[in-house]
Protein backbone atom coordinates (compact mmCIF):
# COMPACT_ATOMS: atom_id res chain seq x y z
CA UNK A 1 -2.89 -22.32 9.90
CA UNK A 2 0.17 -21.65 12.06
CA UNK A 3 2.37 -23.48 9.55
CA UNK A 4 0.88 -21.45 6.69
CA UNK A 5 1.95 -18.25 8.44
CA UNK A 6 5.58 -19.27 7.94
CA UNK A 7 5.22 -18.20 4.29
CA UNK A 8 5.72 -14.51 3.44
CA UNK A 9 2.50 -12.75 2.35
CA UNK A 10 0.33 -15.41 4.05
CA UNK A 11 -0.28 -13.34 7.18
CA UNK A 12 -1.22 -10.26 5.17
CA UNK A 13 -3.50 -12.41 2.99
CA UNK A 14 -5.43 -13.97 5.87
CA UNK A 15 -5.66 -10.97 8.20
CA UNK A 16 -6.09 -8.05 5.75
CA UNK A 17 -6.95 -9.11 2.22
CA UNK A 18 -9.59 -11.58 3.36
CA UNK A 19 -11.53 -8.62 4.82
CA UNK A 20 -12.44 -7.29 1.38
CA UNK A 21 -9.52 -5.00 0.46
CA UNK A 22 -8.09 -7.20 -2.31
CA UNK A 23 -9.55 -5.13 -5.14
CA UNK A 24 -8.19 -1.89 -3.72
CA UNK A 25 -4.66 -3.26 -3.32
CA UNK A 26 -4.77 -4.90 -6.75
CA UNK A 27 -5.85 -1.75 -8.58
CA UNK A 28 -4.53 1.18 -6.55
CA UNK A 29 -1.28 -0.33 -5.28
CA UNK A 30 -0.03 -3.29 -7.32
CA UNK A 31 -1.54 -2.16 -10.60
CA UNK A 32 -0.08 1.32 -10.25
CA UNK A 33 3.34 -0.15 -9.38
CA UNK A 34 3.33 -2.36 -12.48
CA UNK A 35 2.36 0.58 -14.70
CA UNK A 36 5.16 2.73 -13.27
CA UNK A 37 7.83 0.04 -13.50
CA UNK A 38 6.71 -0.90 -16.99
CA UNK A 39 6.80 2.71 -18.16
CA UNK A 40 9.86 4.02 -16.30
CA UNK A 41 11.84 0.92 -15.31
CA UNK A 42 15.58 0.86 -15.98
CA UNK A 43 15.67 -2.88 -16.72
CA UNK A 44 13.19 -2.95 -19.59
CA UNK A 45 9.46 -3.46 -19.14
CA UNK A 46 9.42 -7.14 -18.19
CA UNK A 47 12.70 -7.08 -16.30
CA UNK A 48 11.55 -4.08 -14.28
CA UNK A 49 8.20 -5.69 -13.51
CA UNK A 50 9.95 -8.85 -12.33
CA UNK A 51 12.23 -6.78 -10.10
CA UNK A 52 9.20 -4.95 -8.69
CA UNK A 53 7.49 -8.29 -7.96
CA UNK A 54 10.52 -9.63 -6.10
CA UNK A 55 11.12 -6.33 -4.29
CA UNK A 56 7.49 -6.38 -3.15
CA UNK A 57 7.98 -9.78 -1.53
CA UNK A 58 11.13 -8.49 0.16
CA UNK A 59 9.06 -5.59 1.45
CA UNK A 60 6.09 -7.65 2.64
CA UNK A 61 8.43 -10.06 4.42
CA UNK A 62 9.63 -7.23 6.67
CA UNK A 63 6.28 -5.45 6.78
CA UNK A 64 4.60 -8.57 8.12
CA UNK A 65 6.99 -8.47 11.07
CA UNK A 66 5.36 -5.16 11.97
CA UNK A 67 1.92 -6.68 11.45
CA UNK A 68 2.76 -9.57 13.77
CA UNK A 69 3.96 -7.34 16.57
CA UNK A 70 1.03 -4.97 16.08
CA UNK A 71 -1.61 -7.70 16.13
CA UNK A 72 -0.18 -10.07 18.73
CA UNK A 73 1.60 -7.68 21.12
CA UNK A 74 0.78 -3.99 20.69
CA UNK A 75 -3.00 -4.31 20.40
CA UNK A 76 -3.16 -5.98 23.82
CA UNK A 77 -2.60 -2.50 25.29
CA UNK A 78 -5.28 -0.82 23.18
CA UNK A 79 -8.89 -0.21 24.15
CA UNK A 80 -11.44 -1.83 21.80
CA UNK A 81 -8.65 -2.94 19.48
CA UNK A 82 -9.37 -4.95 16.34
CA UNK A 83 -8.20 -8.49 17.06
CA UNK A 84 -6.33 -10.10 14.17
CA UNK A 85 -4.25 -13.21 13.80
CA UNK A 86 -4.01 -16.18 16.15
CA UNK A 87 -4.49 -14.71 19.61
CA UNK A 88 -3.27 -17.96 21.20
CA UNK A 89 0.11 -17.85 19.43
CA UNK A 90 3.03 -18.68 21.67
CA UNK A 91 6.31 -16.80 21.74
CA UNK A 92 7.91 -19.76 19.97
CA UNK A 93 5.50 -19.42 17.04
CA UNK A 94 5.99 -15.65 16.92
CA UNK A 95 9.76 -16.15 16.83
CA UNK A 96 9.41 -18.74 14.05
CA UNK A 97 7.24 -16.41 11.96
CA UNK A 98 9.62 -13.48 12.41
CA UNK A 99 12.64 -15.66 11.58
CA UNK A 100 10.97 -16.94 8.40
CA UNK A 101 10.41 -13.34 7.26
CA UNK A 102 13.96 -12.28 7.99
CA UNK A 103 15.28 -15.28 6.08
CA UNK A 104 13.02 -14.48 3.11
CA UNK A 105 14.16 -10.84 3.12
CA UNK A 106 17.82 -11.88 3.26
CA UNK A 107 17.33 -14.35 0.39
CA UNK A 108 15.58 -11.78 -1.81
CA UNK A 109 18.19 -9.14 -0.98
CA UNK A 110 20.88 -11.49 -2.29
CA UNK A 111 18.76 -12.57 -5.27
CA UNK A 112 18.25 -8.95 -6.32
CA UNK A 113 21.94 -8.18 -5.73
CA UNK A 114 21.04 -5.38 -3.32
CA UNK A 115 23.17 -6.43 -0.34
CA UNK A 116 25.81 -3.83 -1.18
CA UNK A 117 23.35 -1.00 -1.84
CA UNK A 118 23.19 1.57 0.96
CA UNK A 119 19.87 2.99 -0.28
CA UNK A 120 18.27 -0.46 0.11
CA UNK A 121 19.24 -0.69 3.78
CA UNK A 122 18.36 2.96 4.47
CA UNK A 123 14.91 2.50 2.95
CA UNK A 124 13.97 -0.67 4.82
CA UNK A 125 15.68 0.40 8.03
CA UNK A 126 13.65 3.61 8.00
CA UNK A 127 10.48 1.67 7.26
CA UNK A 128 11.06 -0.62 10.24
CA UNK A 129 11.74 2.41 12.45
CA UNK A 130 8.41 3.98 11.45
CA UNK A 131 6.58 0.68 12.04
CA UNK A 132 8.24 0.37 15.46
CA UNK A 133 7.02 3.86 16.36
CA UNK A 134 3.57 2.97 15.07
CA UNK A 135 3.45 -0.01 17.41
CA UNK A 136 4.87 1.87 20.38
CA UNK A 137 2.63 4.93 20.20
CA UNK A 138 -0.50 4.66 22.32
CA UNK A 139 -2.73 7.55 21.23
CA UNK A 140 -4.65 7.16 17.98
CA UNK A 141 -4.00 10.72 16.82
CA UNK A 142 -0.22 10.26 16.75
CA UNK A 143 -0.51 6.86 15.07
CA UNK A 144 -2.25 8.55 12.15
CA UNK A 145 1.07 10.18 11.20
CA UNK A 146 2.99 6.92 11.30
CA UNK A 147 0.25 5.19 9.31
CA UNK A 148 0.50 7.84 6.57
CA UNK A 149 4.21 7.17 6.10
CA UNK A 150 3.85 3.42 6.37
CA UNK A 151 1.45 3.66 3.43
CA UNK A 152 4.08 5.71 1.58
CA UNK A 153 6.76 3.07 2.20
CA UNK A 154 4.30 0.38 1.08
CA UNK A 155 3.78 2.04 -2.29
CA UNK A 156 7.40 3.00 -2.88
CA UNK A 157 9.03 -0.33 -1.98
CA UNK A 158 8.48 -2.13 -5.32
CA UNK A 159 9.27 0.85 -7.56
CA UNK A 160 11.86 3.11 -5.94
CA UNK A 161 14.87 0.94 -6.80
CA UNK A 162 13.96 0.18 -10.41
CA UNK A 163 12.39 3.33 -11.89
CA UNK A 164 14.48 5.98 -13.61
CA UNK A 165 16.26 8.17 -11.02
CA UNK A 166 14.81 11.32 -12.61
CA UNK A 167 11.27 10.07 -11.89
CA UNK A 168 11.73 8.97 -8.27
CA UNK A 169 10.78 12.25 -6.60
CA UNK A 170 7.70 12.73 -8.77
CA UNK A 171 6.55 9.20 -7.96
CA UNK A 172 7.34 9.81 -4.28
CA UNK A 173 5.11 12.90 -4.42
CA UNK A 174 2.32 10.88 -5.99
CA UNK A 175 2.71 8.10 -3.43
CA UNK A 176 2.35 10.60 -0.57
CA UNK A 177 -0.45 12.75 -1.96
CA UNK A 178 -2.50 10.25 -3.96
CA UNK A 179 -2.06 6.76 -2.52
CA UNK A 180 -1.06 7.42 1.10
CA UNK A 181 -3.29 10.49 1.34
CA UNK A 182 -6.36 8.49 0.32
CA UNK A 183 -5.52 5.59 2.63
CA UNK A 184 -5.19 7.96 5.57
CA UNK A 185 -8.92 8.77 5.34
CA UNK A 186 -9.71 5.08 5.76
CA UNK A 187 -7.42 4.76 8.76
CA UNK A 188 -8.91 7.81 10.47
CA UNK A 189 -12.40 6.51 9.81
CA UNK A 190 -11.55 3.09 11.28
CA UNK A 191 -10.29 4.77 14.46
CA UNK A 192 -13.37 7.01 14.80
CA UNK A 193 -11.26 10.10 14.15
CA UNK A 194 -13.03 11.26 11.01
CA UNK A 195 -16.36 13.09 10.68
CA UNK A 196 -16.94 12.55 6.95
CA UNK A 197 -20.13 10.57 6.50
CA UNK A 198 -19.86 10.42 2.71
CA UNK A 199 -16.21 9.41 2.59
CA UNK A 200 -17.03 6.08 0.94
CA UNK A 201 -19.29 7.62 -1.69
CA UNK A 202 -18.27 7.59 -5.33
CA UNK A 203 -18.58 11.39 -5.39
CA UNK A 204 -15.86 11.78 -2.76
CA UNK A 205 -13.58 9.24 -4.42
CA UNK A 206 -14.04 10.77 -7.84
CA UNK A 207 -13.30 14.26 -6.54
CA UNK A 208 -10.21 13.07 -4.66
CA UNK A 209 -8.68 11.29 -7.66
CA UNK A 210 -9.74 13.70 -10.39
CA UNK A 211 -8.45 16.89 -8.73
CA UNK A 212 -4.75 15.87 -9.10
CA UNK A 213 -5.20 16.09 -12.88
CA UNK A 214 -4.94 19.86 -12.56
CA UNK A 215 -1.55 19.50 -10.84
CA UNK A 216 -0.45 17.02 -13.50
CA UNK A 217 -1.46 19.40 -16.28
CA UNK A 218 0.26 22.33 -14.57
CA UNK A 219 3.56 20.40 -14.70
CA UNK A 220 3.12 19.13 -18.23
CA UNK A 221 6.30 20.82 -19.47
CA UNK A 222 8.50 19.21 -16.79
CA UNK A 223 10.01 15.87 -17.90
CA UNK A 224 10.85 14.94 -14.30
CA UNK A 225 7.13 15.02 -13.46
CA UNK A 226 6.22 12.23 -15.89
CA UNK A 227 5.98 9.66 -13.09
CA UNK A 228 3.61 11.86 -11.11
CA UNK A 229 1.50 12.56 -14.21
CA UNK A 230 1.34 8.85 -14.93
CA UNK A 231 -0.01 8.18 -11.43
CA UNK A 232 -2.54 11.02 -11.65
CA UNK A 233 -3.89 9.84 -15.00
CA UNK A 234 -3.89 6.19 -13.91
CA UNK A 235 -5.99 6.87 -10.80
CA UNK A 236 -8.27 9.23 -12.71
CA UNK A 237 -8.84 6.50 -15.31
CA UNK A 238 -9.76 4.00 -12.59
CA UNK A 239 -12.29 6.41 -11.12
CA UNK A 240 -13.80 7.17 -14.53
CA UNK A 241 -14.26 3.46 -15.20
CA UNK A 242 -15.85 3.02 -11.76
CA UNK A 243 -18.21 5.95 -12.44
CA UNK A 244 -19.19 4.47 -15.79
CA UNK A 245 -19.86 1.06 -14.25
CA UNK A 246 -21.91 2.66 -11.47
CA UNK A 247 -24.02 4.61 -13.98
CA UNK A 248 -24.57 1.51 -16.14
CA UNK A 249 -25.67 -0.49 -13.10
CA UNK A 250 -27.93 2.33 -11.91
CA UNK A 251 -29.56 2.52 -15.35
CA UNK A 252 -30.07 -1.24 -15.42
CA UNK A 253 -31.61 -1.16 -11.94
CA UNK A 254 -34.02 1.62 -12.91
CA UNK A 255 -35.11 -0.33 -15.99
CA UNK A 256 -35.65 -3.46 -13.90
CA UNK A 257 -37.82 -1.54 -11.41
CA UNK A 258 -39.96 -0.08 -14.21
CA UNK A 259 -40.52 -3.52 -15.74
CA UNK A 260 -41.73 -4.87 -12.40
């Protein structure tokens, strides 16, 4: 397993996605990113999607550095912390994993021809700074703020460099209010900082993702809000499908109970 962790994305896969969050990331993060890059990409639909895919791996290579330090170093100072990753990892293995990520990020930066782009370095430098603060902070309340913006960086990384410049701020608004805002509830709940017993109900999720439609409609005459509207309608469509599936399953279950 330690050799597997040398590959970018492997640590995220084994310590986060294996816990049951694959569907959420696939639909609410990666799916949304592909829709946005396909609709508003500056390199054509397929070229923009390919760029987003490669930019995501550049992102996750650096993001996993934060995961490694959080799981193997920072959590040792936390009370009742969730233990993730190989707790017996030596400093040599940690150094090897970090080096492999830095090398992957450098390779992808060159592959995407972004080495000379100041916005590329500002974005990822700022992301690392927020992750460093997240790992250094001790109280859970303050870490909620850093988590919110880490979620924002996570969503923006694949799309910000390839979507039309006029749509960036609208997408950034959607990333903060829709994606990162929703993920913050989960983080607060996991840290026992949230008193919302029905947070995981379909009613709450439907309300959260359907309400932004009113904002999207209110800005219907603004071309620069197309990216935000796209996100609002995309998430609303996901929730409507989930509601339909839930109702179909509930109807099937009621019929089964009557027959027995």
